[in-house]
C-alpha cells in the first residue's frame, strides 16, 4: 500500500512525513520533488519540466523595490521612512496636488492646505534644515556636524528664541557651535565666507545661543586649524609637524599670546613653509585662512624676532630640508 495519497483534481500530494505541509506537484510529469516556477510577470505557476500551467493570477507578495530584508527579518520597506526627530508630529502629512483636472477644485484645496499653520511651520523648518545641510556640505563638513547644527537650531526654535533675530545669523551661529562641539572647529572667517553673515553678528549670536541653551563650545586653538590649512595649501607632513610645534611654542611668547588662533596658525605656516623650502606667499595663506596678508606678516615678525627660542633642535630634526637660512626677514 502506498504511503502517498494522490488528489488529481487539486494536484496535491500529502505524505505522512509531511503532515502539516501541502506540496503542489505537476499532474502531468509528477516529479518528486516538484520543479514549480513562479512567473511573476504573468502571475502564473508553471512546471519547470513540462511547461504545464498549474495556477494563474498569483499574487506577488514581494516588495515593489529591491531590499535585503530577507537577511534581517521583517521587510520594513512598506511602512515608509523612519520618523525625523527634528520635525514635529508623526510626519504622515498628505499633499494635495495642484492639478485641477478642469474643475479647479484640487487647486483650491491645495491653496487652503498651504494656509494651515502647522503645514507652514513644518515647511519653514524643513527648508531651514535643507539650508543648513547645503551650507555644511559646501565646506565638506561631516554628517554628525550637520546633525548637531540642526539640533541646536531645533532647540532655539522650540524655545522661540530665534524670533526677532536674523535667521541667517542664527544658522551661522549654530554651524560654528556645532563644528566646535564635534571637534572640527572652523574659524570665524570661514563661517563668514560660508554664510555671508557679518563677523560681529555671528559673534553676538554665538554668545546669545550659548547663554540661552546653557551650552559650552570650548576654545579653538591654532593646532586645531593647522591640519586643514596645510592640506589646502598642499604642504607636506614635515611642514605640518613643524607648524604644530611652532604654534605650541608660540603660546609662551607674551607679545603674541593675545592674537587670534587663526593669525598664529597662519604665521606659523608661513614660517614653517620657508624653513622647509616649500615657501607659500602670505596672500596664498590669506586666501585659505581668511586672515589678511598684513596680519600674517605682522605676526610672523614677532615669530622671527623670537626665532632663537622657537627653532630648537627638535624642530630642525622634524624636516630633513629645514634650514634657518631659508627664512626671510620681515
Protein backbone atom coordinates (compact mmCIF):
# COMPACT_ATOMS: atom_id res chain seq x y z
CA UNK A 1 0.00 0.00 0.00
CA UNK A 2 1.34 3.40 -0.93
CA UNK A 3 2.15 5.97 1.78
CA UNK A 4 1.09 8.77 -0.52
CA UNK A 5 -2.45 9.96 -1.23
CA UNK A 6 -2.98 11.38 -4.69
CA UNK A 7 -5.58 14.03 -5.43
CA UNK A 8 -5.51 14.58 -9.19
CA UNK A 9 -8.11 17.32 -9.16
CA UNK A 10 -6.10 19.61 -6.88
CA UNK A 11 -2.63 18.38 -7.95
CA UNK A 12 -1.71 17.94 -4.24
CA UNK A 13 0.45 15.23 -2.72
CA UNK A 14 0.38 14.79 1.04
CA UNK A 15 2.85 12.35 2.64
CA UNK A 16 2.84 11.06 6.23
CA UNK A 17 6.27 12.54 6.96
CA UNK A 18 4.92 15.98 5.95
CA UNK A 19 1.73 16.08 7.99
CA UNK A 20 1.49 19.83 8.17
CA UNK A 21 2.67 20.74 4.66
CA UNK A 22 0.91 20.97 1.32
CA UNK A 23 3.04 20.24 -1.73
CA UNK A 24 1.97 21.33 -5.19
CA UNK A 25 3.09 18.92 -7.90
CA UNK A 26 2.61 18.71 -11.63
CA UNK A 27 -0.22 16.31 -12.56
CA UNK A 28 1.49 15.58 -15.86
CA UNK A 29 5.14 14.72 -15.10
CA UNK A 30 4.56 14.02 -11.35
CA UNK A 31 8.20 14.52 -10.32
CA UNK A 32 9.22 14.49 -6.68
CA UNK A 33 10.37 16.99 -5.58
CA UNK A 34 8.36 19.17 -7.96
CA UNK A 35 10.01 21.84 -10.08
CA UNK A 36 7.44 24.64 -9.89
CA UNK A 37 8.38 28.06 -11.26
CA UNK A 38 6.56 31.30 -10.34
CA UNK A 39 6.22 33.60 -13.34
CA UNK A 40 5.60 36.95 -11.63
CA UNK A 41 5.32 38.82 -14.93
CA UNK A 42 2.18 36.90 -15.96
CA UNK A 43 1.05 35.78 -12.49
CA UNK A 44 1.25 32.06 -13.31
CA UNK A 45 2.63 28.93 -11.65
CA UNK A 46 4.38 26.81 -14.29
CA UNK A 47 6.01 23.39 -14.18
CA UNK A 48 9.67 23.90 -14.94
CA UNK A 49 10.00 20.49 -16.65
CA UNK A 50 6.97 20.15 -18.95
CA UNK A 51 5.64 23.74 -19.00
CA UNK A 52 2.14 22.89 -17.72
CA UNK A 53 0.39 25.92 -16.17
CA UNK A 54 -0.74 24.91 -12.67
CA UNK A 55 -2.21 28.20 -11.49
CA UNK A 56 -2.93 31.72 -12.66
CA UNK A 57 -3.44 35.16 -11.12
CA UNK A 58 -0.85 34.53 -8.45
CA UNK A 59 -0.40 37.49 -6.09
CA UNK A 60 3.17 38.84 -5.94
CA UNK A 61 3.99 39.37 -2.25
CA UNK A 62 7.45 40.80 -2.84
CA UNK A 63 8.35 44.46 -2.26
CA UNK A 64 7.94 46.94 -5.07
CA UNK A 65 11.67 47.65 -4.92
CA UNK A 66 14.74 45.65 -4.05
CA UNK A 67 15.51 45.21 -0.35
CA UNK A 68 17.72 42.95 1.73
CA UNK A 69 15.11 42.36 4.43
CA UNK A 70 15.25 38.57 3.99
CA UNK A 71 18.52 38.55 5.94
CA UNK A 72 17.20 40.75 8.75
CA UNK A 73 13.67 39.54 9.44
CA UNK A 74 10.63 41.62 8.53
CA UNK A 75 10.56 43.86 5.50
CA UNK A 76 10.35 47.50 6.68
CA UNK A 77 10.08 48.92 3.18
CA UNK A 78 6.28 49.10 3.24
CA UNK A 79 5.97 51.31 6.30
CA UNK A 80 7.76 54.38 4.90
CA UNK A 81 10.93 56.07 6.08
CA UNK A 82 11.85 56.49 9.72
CA UNK A 83 10.42 59.48 11.58
CA UNK A 84 12.67 62.53 11.75
CA UNK A 85 13.08 63.61 15.42
CA UNK A 86 13.87 67.15 14.26
CA UNK A 87 10.37 67.63 12.81
CA UNK A 88 7.01 67.88 14.56
CA UNK A 89 4.31 65.22 14.65
CA UNK A 90 4.33 61.81 13.03
CA UNK A 91 5.12 63.28 9.57
CA UNK A 92 2.17 61.45 7.98
CA UNK A 93 1.20 64.51 6.00
CA UNK A 94 -0.98 64.37 2.90
CA UNK A 95 -0.03 66.53 -0.05
CA UNK A 96 -2.84 67.68 -2.31
CA UNK A 97 -1.66 68.04 -5.89
CA UNK A 98 -2.24 71.33 -7.66
CA UNK A 99 -3.60 69.81 -10.86
CA UNK A 100 -7.22 70.86 -11.31
CA UNK A 101 -8.40 68.38 -13.94
CA UNK A 102 -10.56 71.12 -15.44
CA UNK A 103 -12.61 71.78 -12.26
CA UNK A 104 -10.23 73.94 -10.18
CA UNK A 105 -11.26 72.08 -7.00
CA UNK A 106 -7.84 70.49 -6.45
CA UNK A 107 -6.15 73.86 -6.85
CA UNK A 108 -8.40 75.43 -4.22
CA UNK A 109 -7.82 72.56 -1.80
CA UNK A 110 -4.06 72.85 -2.32
CA UNK A 111 -4.19 76.58 -1.53
CA UNK A 112 -6.28 76.04 1.60
CA UNK A 113 -3.93 73.32 2.83
CA UNK A 114 -0.96 75.63 2.28
CA UNK A 115 -2.50 78.17 4.67
CA UNK A 116 -2.59 75.73 7.57
CA UNK A 117 -0.31 76.97 10.34
CA UNK A 118 1.12 73.53 11.02
CA UNK A 119 1.90 72.98 7.35
CA UNK A 120 3.61 76.37 7.04
CA UNK A 121 5.67 75.78 10.19
CA UNK A 122 6.75 72.35 9.02
CA UNK A 123 7.73 73.64 5.59
CA UNK A 124 9.77 76.52 7.07
CA UNK A 125 11.55 74.17 9.47
CA UNK A 126 12.28 71.64 6.73
CA UNK A 127 13.61 74.41 4.47
CA UNK A 128 15.91 75.65 7.25
CA UNK A 129 17.31 72.15 7.73
CA UNK A 130 17.85 71.95 3.98
CA UNK A 131 19.75 75.27 4.05
CA UNK A 132 21.96 74.06 6.92
CA UNK A 133 22.74 70.85 5.04
CA UNK A 134 23.59 72.74 1.84
CA UNK A 135 25.90 75.17 3.64
CA UNK A 136 27.72 72.46 5.60
CA UNK A 137 28.11 70.18 2.59
CA UNK A 138 29.63 73.08 0.63
CA UNK A 139 32.51 73.02 3.15
CA UNK A 140 32.56 69.18 3.29
CA UNK A 141 31.51 69.01 6.93
CA UNK A 142 30.63 65.62 8.40
CA UNK A 143 27.08 64.37 8.85
CA UNK A 144 27.49 64.43 12.63
CA UNK A 145 28.32 68.15 12.47
CA UNK A 146 25.26 68.78 10.31
CA UNK A 147 23.00 66.88 12.72
CA UNK A 148 24.39 68.83 15.70
CA UNK A 149 23.76 72.13 13.91
CA UNK A 150 20.17 71.09 13.15
CA UNK A 151 19.66 70.01 16.76
CA UNK A 152 20.90 73.38 18.05
CA UNK A 153 18.56 75.23 15.72
CA UNK A 154 15.70 72.97 16.82
CA UNK A 155 16.35 73.88 20.47
CA UNK A 156 16.32 77.57 19.58
CA UNK A 157 13.07 77.10 17.65
CA UNK A 158 11.40 75.15 20.46
CA UNK A 159 12.07 77.99 22.89
CA UNK A 160 11.08 80.58 20.29
CA UNK A 161 14.48 82.17 20.92
CA UNK A 162 15.14 82.99 17.30
CA UNK A 163 12.21 85.38 16.97
CA UNK A 164 13.20 88.96 16.27
CA UNK A 165 16.71 87.93 15.23
CA UNK A 166 18.40 87.47 11.90
CA UNK A 167 17.71 83.86 10.92
CA UNK A 168 20.87 83.71 8.81
CA UNK A 169 22.93 84.73 11.85
CA UNK A 170 21.19 82.04 13.93
CA UNK A 171 22.08 79.43 11.30
CA UNK A 172 25.69 80.66 11.14
CA UNK A 173 26.00 80.56 14.94
CA UNK A 174 24.57 77.04 15.10
CA UNK A 175 27.02 75.82 12.44
CA UNK A 176 30.01 77.43 14.18
CA UNK A 177 28.99 75.97 17.56
CA UNK A 178 28.34 72.55 16.01
CA UNK A 179 31.82 72.49 14.46
CA UNK A 180 33.40 73.18 17.84
CA UNK A 181 31.28 70.59 19.64
CA UNK A 182 32.15 67.99 17.00
CA UNK A 183 35.91 68.69 17.44
CA UNK A 184 36.16 70.05 13.88
CA UNK A 185 36.41 73.81 14.58
CA UNK A 186 36.15 76.41 11.86
CA UNK A 187 37.33 79.99 12.04
CA UNK A 188 35.02 83.00 12.07
CA UNK A 189 36.36 83.98 8.65
CA UNK A 190 35.39 80.61 7.19
CA UNK A 191 31.86 80.77 8.61
CA UNK A 192 31.51 84.37 7.37
CA UNK A 193 32.57 83.29 3.90
CA UNK A 194 30.19 80.32 4.03
CA UNK A 195 27.05 82.07 5.30
CA UNK A 196 27.68 85.65 4.08
CA UNK A 197 26.94 86.93 7.60
CA UNK A 198 28.95 89.70 9.28
CA UNK A 199 31.51 88.52 11.82
CA UNK A 200 30.14 90.77 14.57
CA UNK A 201 26.64 89.38 14.03
CA UNK A 202 27.96 85.81 14.25
CA UNK A 203 29.89 86.64 17.44
CA UNK A 204 26.86 88.23 19.13
CA UNK A 205 24.60 85.40 18.01
CA UNK A 206 27.02 82.73 19.23
CA UNK A 207 27.12 84.31 22.70
CA UNK A 208 23.30 84.50 22.69
CA UNK A 209 22.93 80.83 21.73
CA UNK A 210 25.41 79.67 24.37
CA UNK A 211 23.70 81.77 27.05
CA UNK A 212 20.15 80.67 26.21
CA UNK A 213 20.92 76.98 25.69
CA UNK A 214 23.42 76.78 28.54
CA UNK A 215 26.00 75.03 26.39
CA UNK A 216 29.75 75.42 26.16
CA UNK A 217 31.71 75.23 22.94
CA UNK A 218 35.29 75.35 24.16
CA UNK A 219 38.01 77.43 22.57
CA UNK A 220 39.60 76.93 19.19
CA UNK A 221 43.38 76.52 19.28
CA UNK A 222 45.85 77.11 16.48
CA UNK A 223 46.66 73.40 16.26
CA UNK A 224 43.01 72.61 15.50
CA UNK A 225 43.24 74.63 12.29
CA UNK A 226 46.74 73.84 11.05
CA UNK A 227 45.99 70.42 9.59
CA UNK A 228 43.22 71.67 7.31
CA UNK A 229 45.12 74.81 6.28
CA UNK A 230 48.26 72.83 5.40
CA UNK A 231 46.23 70.30 3.43
CA UNK A 232 44.53 73.03 1.40
CA UNK A 233 47.93 74.62 0.70
CA UNK A 234 49.40 71.31 -0.46
CA UNK A 235 52.16 71.24 2.19
CA UNK A 236 53.88 68.00 3.18
CA UNK A 237 53.81 66.24 6.57
CA UNK A 238 57.20 67.63 7.67
CA UNK A 239 55.97 71.18 7.22
CA UNK A 240 52.75 70.40 9.08
CA UNK A 241 54.61 68.85 12.04
CA UNK A 242 56.97 71.83 12.28
CA UNK A 243 53.98 74.18 12.14
CA UNK A 244 52.29 72.36 15.03
CA UNK A 245 55.44 72.60 17.17
CA UNK A 246 55.85 76.30 16.35
CA UNK A 247 52.22 77.01 17.25
CA UNK A 248 52.56 75.16 20.56
CA UNK A 249 55.73 77.07 21.49
CA UNK A 250 54.35 80.40 20.30
CA UNK A 251 51.80 80.33 23.13
CA UNK A 252 54.61 81.17 25.56
CA UNK A 253 55.58 84.34 23.71
CA UNK A 254 53.96 87.18 25.61
CA UNK A 255 53.69 89.57 22.66
CA UNK A 256 51.80 87.00 20.54
CA UNK A 257 49.57 85.41 23.17
CA UNK A 258 46.77 87.93 22.63
CA UNK A 259 46.43 87.30 18.90
CA UNK A 260 43.72 85.09 17.44
CA UNK A 261 44.44 81.37 16.89
CA UNK A 262 43.88 81.81 13.15
CA UNK A 263 46.54 84.53 12.93
CA UNK A 264 49.03 82.44 14.89
CA UNK A 265 48.34 79.36 12.77
CA UNK A 266 48.75 81.35 9.54
CA UNK A 267 52.02 82.94 10.67
CA UNK A 268 53.42 79.58 11.81
CA UNK A 269 52.55 78.05 8.42
CA UNK A 270 54.28 80.99 6.72
CA UNK A 271 57.42 80.44 8.82
CA UNK A 272 57.45 76.62 8.55
CA UNK A 273 56.93 76.66 4.79
CA UNK A 274 60.03 78.83 4.35
CA UNK A 275 62.03 76.67 6.74
CA UNK A 276 61.42 73.53 4.69
CA UNK A 277 61.84 75.23 1.32
CA UNK A 278 58.12 74.83 0.42
CA UNK A 279 57.50 78.54 0.77
CA UNK A 280 53.99 79.89 0.46
CA UNK A 281 53.20 83.54 -0.08
CA UNK A 282 51.28 85.39 2.62
CA UNK A 283 48.49 86.12 0.13
CA UNK A 284 48.11 82.40 -0.66
CA UNK A 285 47.80 81.61 3.04
CA UNK A 286 45.38 84.52 3.43
CA UNK A 287 43.00 83.02 0.85
CA UNK A 288 42.85 79.76 2.81
CA UNK A 289 42.70 81.09 6.38
CA UNK A 290 40.78 84.32 5.79
CA UNK A 291 43.40 86.36 7.68
CA UNK A 292 44.80 89.45 5.94
CA UNK A 293 48.27 89.19 4.45
CA UNK A 294 49.42 92.18 6.52
CA UNK A 295 48.26 90.49 9.75
CA UNK A 296 50.15 87.32 8.79
CA UNK A 297 53.38 89.25 8.19
CA UNK A 298 52.95 91.25 11.42
CA UNK A 299 52.55 88.06 13.44
CA UNK A 300 55.44 86.44 11.55
CA UNK A 301 57.63 89.39 12.52
CA UNK A 302 57.15 88.51 16.19
CA UNK A 303 57.99 84.86 15.46
CA UNK A 304 61.10 85.88 13.54
CA UNK A 305 62.29 88.07 16.40
CA UNK A 306 61.99 85.05 18.73
CA UNK A 307 63.47 82.55 16.25
CA UNK A 308 66.35 81.69 18.60
CA UNK A 309 63.81 80.41 21.12
CA UNK A 310 61.49 78.74 18.61
CA UNK A 311 63.96 76.99 16.32
CA UNK A 312 65.03 74.26 18.69
CA UNK A 313 66.96 71.14 17.57
CA UNK A 314 63.66 69.23 17.78
CA UNK A 315 62.12 71.41 15.08
CA UNK A 316 65.15 71.19 12.86
CA UNK A 317 65.09 67.39 13.11
CA UNK A 318 61.43 67.24 12.03
CA UNK A 319 62.21 68.32 8.48
CA UNK A 320 65.14 66.88 6.60
CA UNK A 321 65.34 70.02 4.45
CA UNK A 322 64.65 72.51 7.27
CA UNK A 323 67.16 75.32 7.16
CA UNK A 324 67.10 78.55 9.14
CA UNK A 325 68.81 80.39 6.30
CA UNK A 326 65.64 79.95 4.22
CA UNK A 327 63.76 82.38 6.45
CA UNK A 328 63.17 85.84 5.06
CA UNK A 329 63.42 89.00 7.13
CA UNK A 330 60.07 90.70 7.77
